[in-house]
Amino acid sequence: MMTINFPIILATGLIPMFIGFIWYHDKVFGKPWQRASGVTDEMIQSGNMALILGLSYVFSCMLAMMLMTFSIHQFQVQSLFASDPDFGNPDSESTKYIADFFARYGDKHRTWSHGAVHGVIISIFVALPIIAIKALFERKNFKYILINFGYWLLTITAMCAILCAFV
C-alpha cells in the first residue's frame, strides 16, 4: 500500500518558493519578467508579504500532493480498488491483490530521473497550455510565456523528481 510521506510533501512545497526566489531575482529573470508583465517596483513592494508567502506555500503543498499522484504509478493502481466495499479489509481479495502487487512492483519506476521525466511531461502538457492561454487573453508577449514556463518547467520537474524518489 502507498503511504504519503508528509515531511517530504512539506519540504517539496518549499521548492517553488526557493526556485522562484532565484528565477525571478532582478539579476536573473526578474527585470525582464517585470517588463513583460507590466509589474512595477512599487507593485512588488506593496501587499502583505506574509500572506502572499503563506498562501504560496499552502498552494505549493497542494501542488506537491497532486504531482505525487501523477508521478508515482503505484498511486493509480491503489485507486482502482478504492471504491471496493472491502477495500482495506486485510482478508479481502482486493487487499491481497494490492499487497501482492506492491510486493512485486512497489519500487518500480521510483527514481529521481523517472520523476523528472514526469515533471517535464506535466510541465509541457499542463503548465504550458495554462500559462499560454492565460497570457494570450491578457495580451502578454511571448517573452512573458517563456519566462513563466521556464520557471514552472524547472519547478515541476524538481518537485516530481523528489516526490518520486522519496514518497
Foldseek 3Di string as FASTA:
>chain_A
DDDDDVVLLLVLLCLLVVLCCVLCPPVHCVVVLCVLVVPDPVNVPDDDVVVVVVVSSVVSSVVLVVLLCQQQVLNVLLVVCPPPPCVPPCPDPSNVVNVVCCVPPVLPQLALVSQLVSLQVCLVPPVLVVLVVVCVVVVGDPVNSVSVSVSSSVSSSNSRSSSSNPD
